[in-house]
C-alpha atoms as a PDB file:
ATOM      1  CA  MET A   1     102.012 124.911 114.984  1.00  0.00           C
ATOM      2  CA  SER A   2     103.429 124.461 118.314  1.00  0.00           C
ATOM      3  CA  ARG A   3     107.184 123.280 118.224  1.00  0.00           C
ATOM      4  CA  THR A   4     107.137 122.422 122.039  1.00  0.00           C
ATOM      5  CA  GLY A   5     108.679 119.047 121.459  1.00  0.00           C
ATOM      6  CA  GLU A   6     111.643 120.359 119.597  1.00  0.00           C
ATOM      7  CA  ILE A   7     112.276 122.861 122.005  1.00  0.00           C
ATOM      8  CA  VAL A   8     112.132 120.639 124.816  1.00  0.00           C
ATOM      9  CA  LEU A   9     114.638 117.839 123.266  1.00  0.00           C
ATOM     10  CA  GLY A  10     116.912 120.804 122.480  1.00  0.00           C
ATOM     11  CA  VAL A  11     116.614 122.205 125.772  1.00  0.00           C
ATOM     12  CA  ILE A  12     117.430 118.730 127.338  1.00  0.00           C
ATOM     13  CA  SER A  13     120.471 118.208 125.142  1.00  0.00           C
ATOM     14  CA  ALA A  14     121.708 121.861 125.900  1.00  0.00           C
ATOM     15  CA  ILE A  15     121.502 120.610 129.638  1.00  0.00           C
ATOM     16  CA  MET A  16     123.419 117.573 129.337  1.00  0.00           C
ATOM     17  CA  THR A  17     126.107 119.291 126.934  1.00  0.00           C
ATOM     18  CA  LEU A  18     126.724 121.822 129.922  1.00  0.00           C
ATOM     19  CA  LEU A  19     127.120 118.877 132.059  1.00  0.00           C
ATOM     20  CA  SER A  20     129.403 117.010 129.849  1.00  0.00           C
ATOM     21  CA  ILE A  21     131.629 120.408 129.554  1.00  0.00           C
ATOM     22  CA  ILE A  22     131.561 120.724 133.165  1.00  0.00           C
ATOM     23  CA  LEU A  23     132.675 117.095 134.008  1.00  0.00           C
ATOM     24  CA  VAL A  24     135.372 116.776 131.154  1.00  0.00           C
ATOM     25  CA  THR A  25     136.841 120.218 132.050  1.00  0.00           C
ATOM     26  CA  VAL A  26     137.067 119.041 136.109  1.00  0.00           C
ATOM     27  CA  LEU A  27     138.632 115.597 134.598  1.00  0.00           C
ATOM     28  CA  VAL A  28     141.117 117.162 132.550  1.00  0.00           C
ATOM     29  CA  VAL A  29     142.193 119.965 134.941  1.00  0.00           C
ATOM     30  CA  SER A  30     142.177 117.494 137.961  1.00  0.00           C
ATOM     31  CA  GLY A  31     143.741 114.429 135.722  1.00  0.00           C
ATOM     32  CA  SER A  32     146.393 116.703 134.470  1.00  0.00           C
ATOM     33  CA  SER A  33     147.303 117.930 137.733  1.00  0.00           C
ATOM     34  CA  ILE A  34     147.614 114.537 139.263  1.00  0.00           C
ATOM     35  CA  LEU A  35     149.487 113.126 136.532  1.00  0.00           C
ATOM     36  CA  LYS A  36     152.100 115.989 136.806  1.00  0.00           C
ATOM     37  CA  GLU A  37     152.902 115.168 140.344  1.00  0.00           C
ATOM     38  CA  GLU A  38     156.425 113.654 141.214  1.00  0.00           C
ATOM     39  CA  ALA A  39     154.875 111.084 143.543  1.00  0.00           C
ATOM     40  CA  VAL A  40     152.166 109.662 141.036  1.00  0.00           C
ATOM     41  CA  THR A  41     154.773 109.655 137.987  1.00  0.00           C
ATOM     42  CA  ASP A  42     157.403 108.168 140.450  1.00  0.00           C
ATOM     43  CA  GLN A  43     154.906 105.249 141.600  1.00  0.00           C
ATOM     44  CA  PHE A  44     153.982 104.536 138.249  1.00  0.00           C
ATOM     45  CA  LEU A  45     157.589 104.172 136.923  1.00  0.00           C
ATOM     46  CA  SER A  46     158.648 101.827 140.089  1.00  0.00           C
ATOM     47  CA  ASP A  47     155.364  99.683 139.123  1.00  0.00           C
ATOM     48  CA  ILE A  48     156.611  99.513 135.377  1.00  0.00           C
ATOM     49  CA  ALA A  49     159.990  98.667 136.578  1.00  0.00           C
ATOM     50  CA  SER A  50     158.964  96.033 138.803  1.00  0.00           C
ATOM     51  CA  ASP A  51     156.947  94.157 136.106  1.00  0.00           C
ATOM     52  CA  PRO A  52     159.082  91.143 134.798  1.00  0.00           C
ATOM     53  CA  ASN A  53     157.572  91.560 131.261  1.00  0.00           C
ATOM     54  CA  MET A  54     159.365  94.895 130.844  1.00  0.00           C
ATOM     55  CA  THR A  55     162.739  95.387 129.627  1.00  0.00           C
ATOM     56  CA  GLU A  56     165.312  98.104 130.828  1.00  0.00           C
ATOM     57  CA  THR A  57     164.670  99.602 127.440  1.00  0.00           C
ATOM     58  CA  ASP A  58     160.889  99.833 127.678  1.00  0.00           C
ATOM     59  CA  VAL A  59     161.420 101.261 131.363  1.00  0.00           C
ATOM     60  CA  GLN A  60     163.516 103.905 129.689  1.00  0.00           C
ATOM     61  CA  LEU A  61     161.300 104.687 126.701  1.00  0.00           C
ATOM     62  CA  ILE A  62     158.221 104.993 129.010  1.00  0.00           C
ATOM     63  CA  ASN A  63     160.154 107.172 131.268  1.00  0.00           C
ATOM     64  CA  ASP A  64     161.590 109.613 128.372  1.00  0.00           C
ATOM     65  CA  ASN A  65     157.945 109.985 126.758  1.00  0.00           C
ATOM     66  CA  MET A  66     155.806 110.467 130.263  1.00  0.00           C
ATOM     67  CA  ASP A  67     155.825 114.347 129.588  1.00  0.00           C
ATOM     68  CA  VAL A  68     154.566 113.914 126.051  1.00  0.00           C
ATOM     69  CA  VAL A  69     151.744 111.497 127.056  1.00  0.00           C
ATOM     70  CA  ILE A  70     150.717 113.854 129.924  1.00  0.00           C
ATOM     71  CA  ASP A  71     150.547 116.780 127.729  1.00  0.00           C
ATOM     72  CA  ALA A  72     148.810 114.741 124.767  1.00  0.00           C
ATOM     73  CA  PHE A  73     146.071 114.075 127.529  1.00  0.00           C
ATOM     74  CA  SER A  74     145.977 117.539 128.604  1.00  0.00           C
ATOM     75  CA  LEU A  75     145.656 118.744 124.781  1.00  0.00           C
ATOM     76  CA  PHE A  76     142.958 116.196 123.729  1.00  0.00           C
ATOM     77  CA  GLY A  77     140.955 116.808 126.840  1.00  0.00           C
ATOM     78  CA  TRP A  78     140.958 120.708 126.048  1.00  0.00           C
ATOM     79  CA  VAL A  79     139.997 119.902 122.388  1.00  0.00           C
ATOM     80  CA  PHE A  80     137.085 118.062 123.533  1.00  0.00           C
ATOM     81  CA  ILE A  81     135.835 120.634 125.628  1.00  0.00           C
ATOM     82  CA  ILE A  82     136.285 123.220 122.620  1.00  0.00           C
ATOM     83  CA  ILE A  83     133.856 120.593 120.514  1.00  0.00           C
ATOM     84  CA  LEU A  84     131.341 120.179 123.299  1.00  0.00           C
ATOM     85  CA  VAL A  85     131.313 124.314 123.454  1.00  0.00           C
ATOM     86  CA  ILE A  86     130.739 124.526 119.569  1.00  0.00           C
ATOM     87  CA  SER A  87     127.998 121.682 119.939  1.00  0.00           C
ATOM     88  CA  LEU A  88     126.533 123.772 122.851  1.00  0.00           C
ATOM     89  CA  ILE A  89     126.156 126.990 121.123  1.00  0.00           C
ATOM     90  CA  LEU A  90     125.072 125.068 117.620  1.00  0.00           C
ATOM     91  CA  ASN A  91     122.251 123.555 119.974  1.00  0.00           C
ATOM     92  CA  ILE A  92     121.179 127.126 121.241  1.00  0.00           C
ATOM     93  CA  ILE A  93     121.114 128.556 117.715  1.00  0.00           C
ATOM     94  CA  GLY A  94     118.650 125.819 116.681  1.00  0.00           C
ATOM     95  CA  ILE A  95     116.382 126.322 119.908  1.00  0.00           C
ATOM     96  CA  MET A  96     116.454 130.138 119.051  1.00  0.00           C
ATOM     97  CA  SER A  97     115.566 129.595 115.584  1.00  0.00           C
ATOM     98  CA  ILE A  98     112.917 127.090 116.264  1.00  0.00           C
ATOM     99  CA  SER A  99     111.264 129.193 119.013  1.00  0.00           C
ATOM    100  CA  LYS A 100     107.850 131.378 117.553  1.00  0.00           C
ATOM    101  CA  ASN A 101     108.292 128.936 114.223  1.00  0.00           C
ATOM    102  CA  LYS A 102     110.883 131.216 113.040  1.00  0.00           C
ATOM    103  CA  ASN A 103     113.004 128.803 110.825  1.00  0.00           C
ATOM    104  CA  SER A 104     112.644 125.101 111.216  1.00  0.00           C
ATOM    105  CA  LYS A 105     114.960 124.024 108.476  1.00  0.00           C
ATOM    106  CA  LEU A 106     117.688 126.056 109.893  1.00  0.00           C
ATOM    107  CA  ALA A 107     117.114 124.815 113.338  1.00  0.00           C
ATOM    108  CA  GLY A 108     116.942 121.201 111.992  1.00  0.00           C
ATOM    109  CA  ILE A 109     120.484 121.888 110.406  1.00  0.00           C
ATOM    110  CA  MET A 110     121.961 123.095 113.613  1.00  0.00           C
ATOM    111  CA  PHE A 111     120.504 120.140 115.502  1.00  0.00           C
ATOM    112  CA  ILE A 112     121.982 117.959 113.167  1.00  0.00           C
ATOM    113  CA  ILE A 113     125.511 119.659 113.078  1.00  0.00           C
ATOM    114  CA  ALA A 114     125.161 120.013 117.049  1.00  0.00           C
ATOM    115  CA  GLY A 115     124.602 116.193 117.494  1.00  0.00           C
ATOM    116  CA  ILE A 116     127.600 115.218 115.500  1.00  0.00           C
ATOM    117  CA  PHE A 117     129.916 117.580 117.379  1.00  0.00           C
ATOM    118  CA  ALA A 118     128.374 116.107 120.683  1.00  0.00           C
ATOM    119  CA  GLY A 119     129.245 112.774 119.836  1.00  0.00           C
ATOM    120  CA  ILE A 120     127.913 110.806 116.811  1.00  0.00           C
ATOM    121  CA  ILE A 121     125.738 108.200 118.806  1.00  0.00           C
ATOM    122  CA  SER A 122     125.849 109.808 122.211  1.00  0.00           C
ATOM    123  CA  PRO A 123     122.336 110.052 124.089  1.00  0.00           C
ATOM    124  CA  THR A 124     122.657 114.056 123.821  1.00  0.00           C
ATOM    125  CA  SER A 125     123.242 113.566 119.656  1.00  0.00           C
ATOM    126  CA  ILE A 126     120.390 110.911 119.739  1.00  0.00           C
ATOM    127  CA  LEU A 127     117.917 113.535 121.059  1.00  0.00           C
ATOM    128  CA  LEU A 128     119.315 116.285 118.841  1.00  0.00           C
ATOM    129  CA  TYR A 129     118.625 113.981 115.712  1.00  0.00           C
ATOM    130  CA  ILE A 130     115.164 113.252 116.898  1.00  0.00           C
ATOM    131  CA  ALA A 131     114.601 117.304 117.317  1.00  0.00           C
ATOM    132  CA  ALA A 132     116.153 117.791 113.599  1.00  0.00           C
ATOM    133  CA  ILE A 133     113.794 114.830 112.127  1.00  0.00           C
ATOM    134  CA  MET A 134     110.886 116.540 113.755  1.00  0.00           C
ATOM    135  CA  CYS A 135     111.757 120.067 112.367  1.00  0.00           C
ATOM    136  CA  PHE A 136     112.012 118.516 109.076  1.00  0.00           C
ATOM    137  CA  VAL A 137     108.924 116.666 109.010  1.00  0.00           C
ATOM    138  CA  ARG A 138     106.384 118.465 111.064  1.00  0.00           C
ATOM    139  CA  LYS A 139     104.998 120.862 108.487  1.00  0.00           C
ATOM    140  CA  PRO A 140     102.051 123.563 109.474  1.00  0.00           C
ATOM    141  CA  PRO A 141      98.776 122.520 108.759  1.00  0.00           C
ATOM    142  CA  VAL A 142      97.470 123.711 105.177  1.00  0.00           C
ATOM    143  CA  GLN A 143      95.200 126.869 105.164  1.00  0.00           C
ATOM    144  CA  VAL A 144      92.072 126.351 103.171  1.00  0.00           C
ATOM    145  CA  GLN A 145      91.222 129.730 101.410  1.00  0.00           C
ATOM    146  CA  GLU A 146      87.778 129.677 100.448  1.00  0.00           C
ATOM    147  CA  GLU A 147      87.277 131.231  96.943  1.00  0.00           C
ATOM    148  CA  TYR A 148      83.908 133.121  96.825  1.00  0.00           C
ATOM    149  CA  TYR A 149      82.429 133.280  93.371  1.00  0.00           C
ATOM    150  CA  SER A 150      79.936 135.604  92.230  1.00  0.00           C
ATOM    151  CA  THR A 151      76.797 134.968  90.260  1.00  0.00           C
ATOM    152  CA  GLU A 152      76.637 138.458  88.857  1.00  0.00           C
ATOM    153  CA  LYS A 153      78.062 139.212  85.577  1.00  0.00           C
ATOM    154  CA  SER A 154      80.669 141.585  85.478  1.00  0.00           C
ATOM    155  CA  LEU A 155      81.557 143.833  82.441  1.00  0.00           C
END
């Protein structure tokens, strides 16, 4: 039985996950470096200070916690990248286990877990869920074995 559909969906979602990893890595690295520049921080704080709705204590609170926000942005970004890498690894395990009809149930489980790690309702996870459903639902055709009866009597 050919499992081309599951393999194609798995490969497409693996490519999408890899592109997401690259995009998020660039975003985290460049975003963290931009946020750590003094000019950007000073401009942000001057914009906050010129806002008539902000009090002096609000401006001081934002100024004191600016480093914490920048560090949290970097930390959450790297955690998200690690989660995407885990999703990619599980996806590859699923592709390998479905190729050559080795183990379709293991592949379906790996696709579901990879879809959860890729984002519960992202396009990548939807492709993985479809591949998992196909792994569980499609069964190999039943081989009919003919039994031969002999008309001769055996002792």
